[in-house]
Amino acid sequence: MSDHSGTRSEADDVRRFWEGLGLPGLVDVHTHFMPERVLHKVWAYFDALGPLTGGVEWPISYREGEGERAALLRAFGVRAFTAMLYPHKPGMARWLNDWAAGFARRTPDCLHTSTLFPEPGVEGYVRDAVEAGARVFKAHVQVGGYDPAGEALDAAWGLLAEAGVPVVIHCGSGPAPGTYTGPERVARVLARHPRLRLVVAHLGMPEYEEFLGLAERYGEVRLDTTMAFTDFSERMAPFPRRALPRLAALGDRILLGSDFPNIPYPYVHQLHALERLGLGEEWLRAVCHDNAAALFGLPGR
């Protein structure tokens, strides 16, 4: 368990942020809920400084149990969040999707999340998840070690594009590059499926400008802010300030993401990091609530 003796104070800080913007709360499109034993293995990987962490010290800030973590997000005023989960080998995705469907049923403020992996049967279980009400998918190119433009996923991408279901995809090469990370293969996916609603996680860190370019080219591409602009990430992969006007111009397609609970700093720091960019309150309102509310059909403000 983490020591959160200051939880009430932290919740007050988060609420002051969105209340000051005149928002009814936050929508966070990048939070992690998964079977507890799987999540504990993820935490152990971070604790051991596994190679995909970039060898950086990464203390997990929120190690509470599942119910406590959900309650904490509600205390922060997060109106809707996700259960980002992902397989690292064949045979996991369908099982994870079954778990996530149950989690969504018992957690109404969680957007029903599913995942996928390039394997036989992927199109079938993706279709099953969509028909069961999945509202967002998670794809993790770095952890999964697969080519998103490979033939095995092509039909699944087409199905998701047709259904209009967004996919939050970790495809940037941070915090450590993978064999298939980077913008080139994602560009090939989008060339075949231009209506696919890809949400590029972490703003595509560190290939920020290349992924901004994909969003400028494809109207359904979005980016989430997960860990971007925080002191932690700026030390590893600083966002180029010359690209801020492009980020501002895409203000209707940038979504708040946090990586909660797997973050090495308080939740409110992500919000302050966005605020100090100086892009204005309307941009912050759109990013922290309105864009995701529109994407997922949530009540407006």
Protein backbone atom coordinates (compact mmCIF):
# COMPACT_ATOMS: atom_id res chain seq x y z
CA MET A 1 0.00 0.00 0.00
CA SER A 2 1.15 3.54 -0.68
CA ASP A 3 1.15 6.10 2.10
CA HIS A 4 -1.60 8.51 1.05
CA SER A 5 -2.09 10.44 4.25
CA GLY A 6 -2.42 13.49 2.01
CA THR A 7 -5.04 11.95 -0.29
CA ARG A 8 -7.76 14.43 0.71
CA SER A 9 -5.40 17.33 0.12
CA GLU A 10 -4.38 15.91 -3.25
CA ALA A 11 -8.00 15.38 -4.25
CA ASP A 12 -8.72 18.98 -3.28
CA ASP A 13 -5.82 20.14 -5.47
CA VAL A 14 -7.12 18.18 -8.47
CA ARG A 15 -10.65 19.47 -7.96
CA ARG A 16 -9.46 23.06 -7.67
CA PHE A 17 -7.82 22.64 -11.07
CA TRP A 18 -10.92 21.56 -12.99
CA GLU A 19 -13.36 23.68 -10.98
CA GLY A 20 -11.23 26.69 -11.86
CA LEU A 21 -11.78 25.88 -15.52
CA GLY A 22 -15.54 25.61 -15.06
CA LEU A 23 -15.54 21.88 -15.85
CA PRO A 24 -17.79 19.22 -14.29
CA GLY A 25 -14.73 17.00 -13.80
CA LEU A 26 -12.06 15.24 -15.84
CA VAL A 27 -12.10 12.46 -18.43
CA ASP A 28 -8.90 10.40 -18.33
CA VAL A 29 -8.48 8.09 -21.34
CA HIS A 30 -5.30 6.38 -20.12
CA THR A 31 -5.65 4.68 -16.75
CA HIS A 32 -4.73 1.08 -15.99
CA PHE A 33 -6.97 -1.52 -14.43
CA MET A 34 -6.28 -5.20 -15.04
CA PRO A 35 -6.38 -8.47 -13.10
CA GLU A 36 -4.54 -7.87 -9.84
CA ARG A 37 -1.91 -10.56 -10.37
CA VAL A 38 -1.17 -9.12 -13.82
CA LEU A 39 -0.90 -5.59 -12.44
CA HIS A 40 1.42 -6.75 -9.68
CA LYS A 41 3.68 -8.28 -12.32
CA VAL A 42 3.69 -4.94 -14.13
CA TRP A 43 4.68 -3.19 -10.91
CA ALA A 44 7.42 -5.75 -10.31
CA TYR A 45 8.76 -5.02 -13.79
CA PHE A 46 8.95 -1.31 -13.01
CA ASP A 47 10.53 -2.02 -9.64
CA ALA A 48 13.22 -4.15 -11.31
CA LEU A 49 13.98 -1.42 -13.87
CA GLY A 50 13.08 -3.72 -16.75
CA PRO A 51 14.54 -2.79 -20.14
CA LEU A 52 11.28 -1.27 -21.44
CA THR A 53 11.38 1.32 -18.65
CA GLY A 54 14.55 2.77 -20.11
CA GLY A 55 16.44 1.79 -16.96
CA VAL A 56 14.96 4.79 -15.11
CA GLU A 57 13.91 4.69 -11.45
CA TRP A 58 10.12 4.46 -11.59
CA PRO A 59 8.45 4.37 -8.17
CA ILE A 60 4.74 3.57 -8.52
CA SER A 61 2.71 6.22 -6.72
CA TYR A 62 -0.61 4.42 -6.30
CA ARG A 63 -0.34 0.78 -5.19
CA GLU A 64 -3.76 0.56 -3.56
CA GLY A 65 -6.18 -2.26 -4.31
CA GLU A 66 -8.54 -2.08 -7.26
CA GLY A 67 -11.51 -0.60 -5.40
CA GLU A 68 -9.38 1.97 -3.62
CA ARG A 69 -7.81 3.10 -6.89
CA ALA A 70 -11.20 3.55 -8.53
CA ALA A 71 -12.43 5.46 -5.47
CA LEU A 72 -9.38 7.70 -5.62
CA LEU A 73 -10.09 8.62 -9.25
CA ARG A 74 -13.65 9.50 -8.24
CA ALA A 75 -12.32 11.61 -5.38
CA PHE A 76 -10.21 13.45 -7.94
CA GLY A 77 -13.38 14.13 -9.92
CA VAL A 78 -12.55 11.87 -12.86
CA ARG A 79 -15.97 11.32 -14.47
CA ALA A 80 -14.84 8.57 -16.82
CA PHE A 81 -11.66 6.52 -17.11
CA THR A 82 -10.37 3.43 -18.89
CA ALA A 83 -8.95 0.00 -18.06
CA MET A 84 -5.89 0.00 -20.30
CA LEU A 85 -4.72 -3.62 -20.41
CA TYR A 86 -2.60 -5.45 -22.93
CA PRO A 87 -1.19 -8.90 -23.71
CA HIS A 88 2.49 -9.61 -24.18
CA LYS A 89 2.01 -12.99 -25.85
CA PRO A 90 -0.61 -14.97 -27.82
CA GLY A 91 -3.57 -16.41 -25.93
CA MET A 92 -3.93 -13.58 -23.41
CA ALA A 93 -6.13 -11.04 -25.16
CA ARG A 94 -9.45 -12.89 -25.07
CA TRP A 95 -9.00 -13.68 -21.37
CA LEU A 96 -8.12 -10.06 -20.61
CA ASN A 97 -11.16 -8.90 -22.57
CA ASP A 98 -13.43 -11.18 -20.54
CA TRP A 99 -12.00 -9.73 -17.33
CA ALA A 100 -12.36 -6.14 -18.60
CA ALA A 101 -16.01 -6.72 -19.55
CA GLY A 102 -16.71 -7.82 -15.99
CA PHE A 103 -14.80 -4.85 -14.59
CA ALA A 104 -16.84 -2.46 -16.75
CA ARG A 105 -20.09 -4.03 -15.51
CA ARG A 106 -19.15 -3.49 -11.87
CA THR A 107 -17.51 -0.09 -12.52
CA PRO A 108 -19.99 2.04 -14.48
CA ASP A 109 -17.66 5.05 -14.74
CA CYS A 110 -15.03 2.94 -16.50
CA LEU A 111 -15.27 2.98 -20.29
CA HIS A 112 -15.48 -0.67 -21.34
CA THR A 113 -11.93 -1.39 -22.57
CA SER A 114 -10.62 -4.27 -24.68
CA THR A 115 -7.32 -5.25 -26.28
CA LEU A 116 -5.90 -7.28 -29.15
CA PHE A 117 -2.82 -9.18 -30.32
CA PRO A 118 -1.71 -10.43 -33.76
CA GLU A 119 -2.78 -14.07 -33.53
CA PRO A 120 -5.24 -16.48 -35.08
CA GLY A 121 -8.79 -15.53 -34.17
CA VAL A 122 -8.06 -11.87 -33.42
CA GLU A 123 -10.74 -10.57 -35.77
CA GLY A 124 -13.32 -12.81 -34.12
CA TYR A 125 -12.67 -11.78 -30.55
CA VAL A 126 -12.37 -8.13 -31.53
CA ARG A 127 -15.79 -8.40 -33.14
CA ASP A 128 -17.13 -10.14 -30.03
CA ALA A 129 -15.79 -7.34 -27.82
CA VAL A 130 -17.30 -4.62 -30.01
CA GLU A 131 -20.67 -6.38 -30.03
CA ALA A 132 -20.42 -6.73 -26.23
CA GLY A 133 -20.11 -2.95 -25.92
CA ALA A 134 -16.39 -2.23 -25.87
CA ARG A 135 -15.92 1.53 -26.20
CA VAL A 136 -12.12 1.72 -26.47
CA PHE A 137 -9.26 -0.66 -27.26
CA LYS A 138 -5.67 -0.67 -26.08
CA ALA A 139 -2.76 -1.71 -28.31
CA HIS A 140 0.79 -1.83 -26.94
CA VAL A 141 3.31 -2.22 -29.75
CA GLN A 142 6.30 -1.87 -27.41
CA VAL A 143 5.29 -4.52 -24.86
CA GLY A 144 3.64 -6.81 -27.39
CA GLY A 145 6.64 -6.66 -29.71
CA TYR A 146 4.53 -6.80 -32.87
CA ASP A 147 4.23 -4.93 -36.14
CA PRO A 148 0.91 -3.02 -36.11
CA ALA A 149 1.02 -2.93 -39.92
CA GLY A 150 1.40 -6.69 -40.18
CA GLU A 151 -1.21 -8.71 -42.06
CA ALA A 152 -2.41 -10.45 -38.87
CA LEU A 153 -4.08 -7.27 -37.56
CA ASP A 154 -5.34 -5.79 -40.81
CA ALA A 155 -8.88 -7.16 -40.61
CA ALA A 156 -9.16 -6.14 -36.94
CA TRP A 157 -8.11 -2.57 -37.75
CA GLY A 158 -10.69 -2.49 -40.52
CA LEU A 159 -13.40 -3.73 -38.18
CA LEU A 160 -12.54 -1.10 -35.55
CA ALA A 161 -12.43 1.64 -38.18
CA GLU A 162 -15.85 0.64 -39.44
CA ALA A 163 -17.26 0.49 -35.88
CA GLY A 164 -15.71 3.86 -34.95
CA VAL A 165 -14.22 2.43 -31.76
CA PRO A 166 -11.09 4.36 -30.66
CA VAL A 167 -7.79 2.55 -30.08
CA VAL A 168 -5.27 3.97 -27.62
CA ILE A 169 -1.97 2.77 -29.06
CA HIS A 170 1.45 2.91 -27.44
CA CYS A 171 3.56 3.14 -30.58
CA GLY A 172 6.16 5.78 -29.75
CA SER A 173 9.70 4.70 -28.91
CA GLY A 174 9.66 5.92 -25.30
CA PRO A 175 10.70 5.20 -22.67
CA ALA A 176 12.72 2.62 -24.64
CA PRO A 177 12.43 1.77 -28.35
CA GLY A 178 10.95 -1.52 -29.48
CA THR A 179 11.48 -3.39 -32.70
CA TYR A 180 8.26 -2.03 -34.19
CA THR A 181 7.81 1.33 -32.44
CA GLY A 182 7.87 4.65 -34.24
CA PRO A 183 5.62 6.47 -36.70
CA GLU A 184 6.47 4.58 -39.91
CA ARG A 185 4.41 1.44 -39.29
CA VAL A 186 1.49 3.40 -37.83
CA ALA A 187 1.50 5.51 -40.98
CA ARG A 188 1.15 2.31 -43.01
CA VAL A 189 -1.85 1.26 -40.90
CA LEU A 190 -3.52 4.63 -41.43
CA ALA A 191 -2.85 4.60 -45.16
CA ARG A 192 -4.95 1.44 -45.35
CA HIS A 193 -7.51 2.50 -42.72
CA PRO A 194 -7.70 6.33 -42.78
CA ARG A 195 -10.90 6.37 -40.68
CA LEU A 196 -9.34 4.39 -37.83
CA ARG A 197 -9.67 6.36 -34.60
CA LEU A 198 -6.14 5.93 -33.27
CA VAL A 199 -5.28 7.75 -30.04
CA VAL A 200 -1.48 7.92 -29.92
CA ALA A 201 -0.44 7.42 -26.30
CA HIS A 202 2.13 9.69 -24.65
CA LEU A 203 1.84 12.12 -27.60
CA GLY A 204 4.05 9.62 -29.43
CA MET A 205 7.00 10.26 -27.11
CA PRO A 206 9.77 10.85 -28.18
CA GLU A 207 8.68 11.12 -31.83
CA TYR A 208 6.30 13.93 -30.96
CA GLU A 209 6.54 15.90 -34.17
CA GLU A 210 6.17 12.89 -36.45
CA PHE A 211 2.98 11.80 -34.68
CA LEU A 212 1.64 15.36 -34.71
CA GLY A 213 2.16 15.13 -38.45
CA LEU A 214 -0.03 12.02 -38.65
CA ALA A 215 -2.76 13.81 -36.70
CA GLU A 216 -2.53 16.75 -39.09
CA ARG A 217 -2.88 14.38 -42.05
CA TYR A 218 -5.64 12.10 -40.71
CA GLY A 219 -8.71 13.70 -39.16
CA GLU A 220 -9.52 10.76 -36.87
CA VAL A 221 -6.07 10.56 -35.26
CA ARG A 222 -5.83 11.89 -31.74
CA LEU A 223 -3.07 12.00 -29.13
CA ASP A 224 -3.19 11.60 -25.37
CA THR A 225 -1.08 13.59 -22.95
CA THR A 226 0.01 10.65 -20.80
CA MET A 227 3.16 11.64 -18.89
CA ALA A 228 4.02 14.30 -21.48
CA PHE A 229 5.38 17.62 -20.20
CA THR A 230 5.88 16.29 -16.64
CA ASP A 231 9.22 16.91 -14.99
CA PHE A 232 9.88 13.16 -15.14
CA SER A 233 9.38 12.91 -18.90
CA GLU A 234 10.96 16.23 -19.78
CA ARG A 235 14.24 14.91 -18.36
CA MET A 236 14.06 11.87 -20.65
CA ALA A 237 12.33 13.16 -23.77
CA PRO A 238 11.59 16.90 -23.75
CA PHE A 239 8.76 18.09 -25.97
CA PRO A 240 10.18 20.49 -28.60
CA ARG A 241 8.83 23.94 -27.85
CA ARG A 242 8.82 24.76 -31.56
CA ALA A 243 5.95 22.26 -31.87
CA LEU A 244 3.66 23.98 -29.35
CA PRO A 245 1.76 25.95 -32.03
CA ARG A 246 0.97 22.65 -33.77
CA LEU A 247 -0.21 21.19 -30.47
CA ALA A 248 -2.42 24.22 -29.93
CA ALA A 249 -3.88 23.95 -33.43
CA LEU A 250 -4.84 20.31 -32.74
CA GLY A 251 -6.59 21.33 -29.53
CA ASP A 252 -9.77 19.48 -30.46
CA ARG A 253 -7.90 16.15 -30.78
CA ILE A 254 -5.69 16.11 -27.71
CA LEU A 255 -7.03 14.01 -24.82
CA LEU A 256 -6.06 13.89 -21.16
CA GLY A 257 -4.21 10.72 -20.19
CA SER A 258 -2.30 10.07 -16.97
CA ASP A 259 -1.04 6.43 -16.76
CA PHE A 260 -2.60 6.21 -13.28
CA PRO A 261 -1.70 4.30 -11.13
CA ASN A 262 1.71 3.60 -12.71
CA ILE A 263 3.12 7.09 -12.36
CA PRO A 264 6.16 8.21 -10.33
CA TYR A 265 4.59 11.49 -9.16
CA PRO A 266 1.22 12.77 -7.87
CA TYR A 267 -1.71 12.77 -10.30
CA VAL A 268 -2.12 16.53 -10.05
CA HIS A 269 1.37 17.06 -11.51
CA GLN A 270 0.13 15.98 -14.96
CA LEU A 271 -2.53 18.69 -14.82
CA HIS A 272 -0.10 21.38 -13.72
CA ALA A 273 2.31 20.30 -16.46
CA LEU A 274 -0.41 20.93 -19.05
CA GLU A 275 -1.35 24.24 -17.47
CA ARG A 276 2.18 25.61 -17.55
CA LEU A 277 2.35 25.18 -21.33
CA GLY A 278 0.43 28.45 -21.47
CA LEU A 279 -1.95 27.37 -24.25
CA GLY A 280 -4.96 28.91 -22.54
CA GLU A 281 -8.00 27.84 -20.58
CA GLU A 282 -10.11 26.89 -23.59
CA TRP A 283 -7.39 24.48 -24.74
CA LEU A 284 -7.24 23.01 -21.23
CA ARG A 285 -11.03 22.61 -21.07
CA ALA A 286 -11.02 20.76 -24.37
CA VAL A 287 -8.09 18.50 -23.45
CA CYS A 288 -9.13 17.69 -19.89
CA HIS A 289 -12.79 17.04 -20.59
CA ASP A 290 -14.60 18.16 -23.72
CA ASN A 291 -12.67 16.27 -26.41
CA ALA A 292 -13.02 12.90 -24.72
CA ALA A 293 -16.62 13.62 -23.74
CA ALA A 294 -17.43 14.21 -27.39
CA LEU A 295 -15.47 11.16 -28.57
CA PHE A 296 -17.23 8.81 -26.15
CA GLY A 297 -20.65 10.46 -26.17
CA LEU A 298 -20.53 11.57 -22.53
CA PRO A 299 -22.71 14.39 -21.18
CA GLY A 300 -21.21 17.78 -21.92
CA ARG A 301 -20.60 20.66 -19.59
